[in-house]
Amino acid sequence: MKVTVDELAGFEREGLNIVANEAAVTVGVRMQVSKRQMQRLDRYERLGLRYCRFQVFLTSGEQAWVYQRLNGEGCEQQQQ
């Protein structure tokens, strides 16, 4: 699995979650995974029950999937 440090603009960490904040930049890792590995990550993150997943552009210009904790009304996702 290829792992690279990257940044996500427009979001900040809040515990185990990311929340929209135009002024924030969150540093993390970008992992290149197979379809099977992505399915396993979805199960681990409890996709649809605990987290939602959506695509964003990272500061490197790469596209990535990120997980965001579901609130009572669903995913708060905001694209920068």
N, C-alpha and C. Protein backbone atom coordinates (compact mmCIF):
# COMPACT_ATOMS: atom_id res chain seq x y z
N MET A 1 0.85 -1.17 0.00
CA MET A 1 0.00 0.00 0.00
C MET A 1 0.90 1.24 0.00
N LYS A 2 0.66 2.13 -0.96
CA LYS A 2 1.43 3.37 -1.06
C LYS A 2 0.81 4.42 -0.14
N VAL A 3 1.64 5.04 0.71
CA VAL A 3 1.18 6.04 1.67
C VAL A 3 1.97 7.32 1.45
N THR A 4 1.26 8.47 1.34
CA THR A 4 1.88 9.76 1.09
C THR A 4 1.27 10.80 2.02
N VAL A 5 2.09 11.67 2.60
CA VAL A 5 1.58 12.77 3.41
C VAL A 5 0.94 13.79 2.48
N ASP A 6 -0.24 14.29 2.85
CA ASP A 6 -0.95 15.27 2.02
C ASP A 6 -1.78 16.15 2.94
N GLU A 7 -2.44 17.16 2.37
CA GLU A 7 -3.24 18.09 3.16
C GLU A 7 -4.63 18.25 2.56
N LEU A 8 -5.59 18.47 3.44
CA LEU A 8 -6.98 18.70 3.06
C LEU A 8 -7.36 20.10 3.51
N ALA A 9 -7.57 21.01 2.57
CA ALA A 9 -7.96 22.38 2.89
C ALA A 9 -9.47 22.46 3.09
N GLY A 10 -9.89 23.33 4.01
CA GLY A 10 -11.31 23.55 4.23
C GLY A 10 -11.94 22.67 5.29
N PHE A 11 -11.14 21.83 5.94
CA PHE A 11 -11.63 20.96 7.01
C PHE A 11 -10.63 20.96 8.16
N GLU A 12 -11.13 20.73 9.37
CA GLU A 12 -10.26 20.57 10.53
C GLU A 12 -10.69 19.34 11.30
N ARG A 13 -9.74 18.78 12.06
CA ARG A 13 -10.06 17.63 12.90
C ARG A 13 -10.80 18.06 14.14
N GLU A 14 -11.76 17.25 14.50
CA GLU A 14 -12.50 17.45 15.74
C GLU A 14 -12.68 16.06 16.33
N GLY A 15 -11.77 15.65 17.18
CA GLY A 15 -11.76 14.29 17.71
C GLY A 15 -11.49 13.32 16.58
N LEU A 16 -12.38 12.36 16.37
CA LEU A 16 -12.24 11.37 15.30
C LEU A 16 -12.95 11.80 14.02
N ASN A 17 -13.33 13.05 13.95
CA ASN A 17 -14.12 13.55 12.83
C ASN A 17 -13.37 14.67 12.12
N ILE A 18 -13.85 15.02 10.93
CA ILE A 18 -13.42 16.24 10.25
C ILE A 18 -14.66 17.09 10.05
N VAL A 19 -14.50 18.40 10.27
CA VAL A 19 -15.62 19.32 10.10
C VAL A 19 -15.18 20.47 9.20
N ALA A 20 -16.13 21.01 8.47
CA ALA A 20 -15.84 22.10 7.54
C ALA A 20 -15.37 23.34 8.29
N ASN A 21 -14.28 23.94 7.79
CA ASN A 21 -13.75 25.20 8.32
C ASN A 21 -12.90 25.79 7.21
N GLU A 22 -13.41 26.82 6.55
CA GLU A 22 -12.73 27.41 5.39
C GLU A 22 -11.28 27.78 5.65
N ALA A 23 -10.96 28.18 6.88
CA ALA A 23 -9.62 28.66 7.20
C ALA A 23 -8.65 27.52 7.56
N ALA A 24 -9.14 26.32 7.70
CA ALA A 24 -8.31 25.22 8.20
C ALA A 24 -7.64 24.42 7.08
N VAL A 25 -6.53 23.80 7.44
CA VAL A 25 -5.85 22.82 6.59
C VAL A 25 -5.48 21.65 7.49
N THR A 26 -5.93 20.47 7.13
CA THR A 26 -5.67 19.27 7.92
C THR A 26 -4.62 18.41 7.24
N VAL A 27 -3.56 18.09 7.97
CA VAL A 27 -2.49 17.23 7.45
C VAL A 27 -2.84 15.78 7.78
N GLY A 28 -2.64 14.91 6.81
CA GLY A 28 -2.91 13.50 7.01
C GLY A 28 -2.16 12.67 6.00
N VAL A 29 -2.57 11.43 5.83
CA VAL A 29 -1.93 10.55 4.86
C VAL A 29 -2.93 10.14 3.80
N ARG A 30 -2.44 10.04 2.59
CA ARG A 30 -3.23 9.56 1.46
C ARG A 30 -2.73 8.15 1.16
N MET A 31 -3.65 7.20 1.18
CA MET A 31 -3.29 5.81 0.91
C MET A 31 -3.87 5.37 -0.41
N GLN A 32 -3.07 4.73 -1.21
CA GLN A 32 -3.55 4.16 -2.46
C GLN A 32 -3.94 2.72 -2.16
N VAL A 33 -5.24 2.43 -2.31
CA VAL A 33 -5.75 1.10 -1.94
C VAL A 33 -6.48 0.47 -3.11
N SER A 34 -6.58 -0.84 -3.06
CA SER A 34 -7.33 -1.58 -4.08
C SER A 34 -8.83 -1.51 -3.75
N LYS A 35 -9.64 -1.97 -4.67
CA LYS A 35 -11.09 -2.01 -4.45
C LYS A 35 -11.41 -2.86 -3.23
N ARG A 36 -10.76 -3.98 -3.10
CA ARG A 36 -10.97 -4.89 -1.95
C ARG A 36 -10.57 -4.20 -0.65
N GLN A 37 -9.44 -3.51 -0.64
CA GLN A 37 -9.01 -2.80 0.56
C GLN A 37 -10.00 -1.68 0.92
N MET A 38 -10.55 -1.01 -0.09
CA MET A 38 -11.54 0.03 0.16
C MET A 38 -12.79 -0.56 0.79
N GLN A 39 -13.21 -1.72 0.35
CA GLN A 39 -14.37 -2.39 0.94
C GLN A 39 -14.10 -2.72 2.41
N ARG A 40 -12.88 -3.15 2.69
CA ARG A 40 -12.52 -3.47 4.07
C ARG A 40 -12.49 -2.22 4.94
N LEU A 41 -11.98 -1.11 4.38
CA LEU A 41 -11.99 0.16 5.11
C LEU A 41 -13.42 0.62 5.39
N ASP A 42 -14.30 0.47 4.40
CA ASP A 42 -15.71 0.83 4.59
C ASP A 42 -16.33 0.04 5.74
N ARG A 43 -16.05 -1.25 5.81
CA ARG A 43 -16.57 -2.07 6.91
C ARG A 43 -15.98 -1.61 8.24
N TYR A 44 -14.68 -1.34 8.27
CA TYR A 44 -14.01 -0.90 9.49
C TYR A 44 -14.60 0.43 9.98
N GLU A 45 -14.84 1.36 9.07
CA GLU A 45 -15.38 2.68 9.42
C GLU A 45 -16.90 2.66 9.61
N ARG A 46 -17.52 1.50 9.36
CA ARG A 46 -18.97 1.33 9.49
C ARG A 46 -19.71 2.32 8.61
N LEU A 47 -19.32 2.31 7.32
CA LEU A 47 -19.90 3.20 6.32
C LEU A 47 -21.43 3.11 6.34
N GLY A 48 -22.08 4.26 6.42
CA GLY A 48 -23.53 4.32 6.44
C GLY A 48 -24.14 4.23 7.82
N LEU A 49 -23.39 3.69 8.78
CA LEU A 49 -23.87 3.59 10.16
C LEU A 49 -23.20 4.62 11.06
N ARG A 50 -21.90 4.75 10.91
CA ARG A 50 -21.14 5.68 11.74
C ARG A 50 -20.50 6.80 10.92
N TYR A 51 -20.07 6.47 9.71
CA TYR A 51 -19.39 7.44 8.85
C TYR A 51 -19.98 7.43 7.45
N CYS A 52 -19.81 8.57 6.76
CA CYS A 52 -20.10 8.65 5.33
C CYS A 52 -18.75 8.84 4.63
N ARG A 53 -18.74 8.66 3.33
CA ARG A 53 -17.50 8.80 2.56
C ARG A 53 -17.80 9.67 1.36
N PHE A 54 -16.92 10.64 1.08
CA PHE A 54 -17.09 11.49 -0.09
C PHE A 54 -15.73 11.89 -0.66
N GLN A 55 -15.72 12.30 -1.93
CA GLN A 55 -14.48 12.66 -2.60
C GLN A 55 -14.17 14.13 -2.43
N VAL A 56 -12.87 14.42 -2.30
CA VAL A 56 -12.37 15.79 -2.19
C VAL A 56 -11.10 15.90 -3.03
N PHE A 57 -10.69 17.13 -3.29
CA PHE A 57 -9.38 17.39 -3.86
C PHE A 57 -8.45 17.81 -2.74
N LEU A 58 -7.28 17.19 -2.68
CA LEU A 58 -6.26 17.54 -1.69
C LEU A 58 -5.41 18.68 -2.22
N THR A 59 -4.61 19.30 -1.35
CA THR A 59 -3.80 20.44 -1.78
C THR A 59 -2.77 20.05 -2.84
N SER A 60 -2.44 18.77 -2.92
CA SER A 60 -1.51 18.28 -3.95
C SER A 60 -2.17 18.23 -5.32
N GLY A 61 -3.51 18.38 -5.36
CA GLY A 61 -4.25 18.25 -6.60
C GLY A 61 -4.83 16.87 -6.80
N GLU A 62 -4.43 15.93 -5.97
CA GLU A 62 -4.95 14.56 -6.05
C GLU A 62 -6.37 14.50 -5.49
N GLN A 63 -7.17 13.60 -6.05
CA GLN A 63 -8.50 13.34 -5.52
C GLN A 63 -8.41 12.22 -4.51
N ALA A 64 -9.23 12.30 -3.47
CA ALA A 64 -9.21 11.25 -2.44
C ALA A 64 -10.60 11.11 -1.84
N TRP A 65 -10.84 9.93 -1.25
CA TRP A 65 -12.04 9.70 -0.47
C TRP A 65 -11.71 10.04 0.97
N VAL A 66 -12.64 10.69 1.66
CA VAL A 66 -12.48 10.94 3.10
C VAL A 66 -13.73 10.44 3.81
N TYR A 67 -13.55 10.07 5.06
CA TYR A 67 -14.67 9.63 5.90
C TYR A 67 -15.02 10.76 6.85
N GLN A 68 -16.33 10.96 7.04
CA GLN A 68 -16.81 11.97 7.97
C GLN A 68 -17.90 11.34 8.83
N ARG A 69 -17.83 11.62 10.11
CA ARG A 69 -18.81 11.07 11.05
C ARG A 69 -20.21 11.56 10.72
N LEU A 70 -21.16 10.64 10.74
CA LEU A 70 -22.55 11.00 10.50
C LEU A 70 -23.10 11.75 11.69
N ASN A 71 -23.85 12.81 11.43
CA ASN A 71 -24.58 13.47 12.52
C ASN A 71 -26.02 12.96 12.44
N GLY A 72 -26.90 13.47 13.24
CA GLY A 72 -28.27 12.99 13.27
C GLY A 72 -29.02 13.15 11.96
N GLU A 73 -28.54 14.06 11.08
CA GLU A 73 -29.21 14.33 9.82
C GLU A 73 -28.46 13.79 8.62
N GLY A 74 -27.41 13.04 8.84
CA GLY A 74 -26.61 12.51 7.74
C GLY A 74 -25.23 13.15 7.72
N CYS A 75 -24.64 13.18 6.57
CA CYS A 75 -23.29 13.69 6.41
C CYS A 75 -23.31 15.19 6.16
N GLU A 76 -22.44 15.91 6.84
CA GLU A 76 -22.40 17.37 6.72
C GLU A 76 -21.54 17.80 5.54
N GLN A 77 -20.94 16.89 4.86
CA GLN A 77 -19.99 17.11 3.76
C GLN A 77 -20.14 18.46 3.07
N GLN A 78 -19.00 19.09 2.89
CA GLN A 78 -18.95 20.34 2.12
C GLN A 78 -17.72 20.27 1.25
N GLN A 79 -17.87 20.54 -0.01
CA GLN A 79 -16.76 20.54 -0.94
C GLN A 79 -16.13 21.93 -0.92
N GLN A 80 -14.80 21.97 -0.87
CA GLN A 80 -14.17 23.28 -0.85
C GLN A 80 -14.12 23.88 -2.22
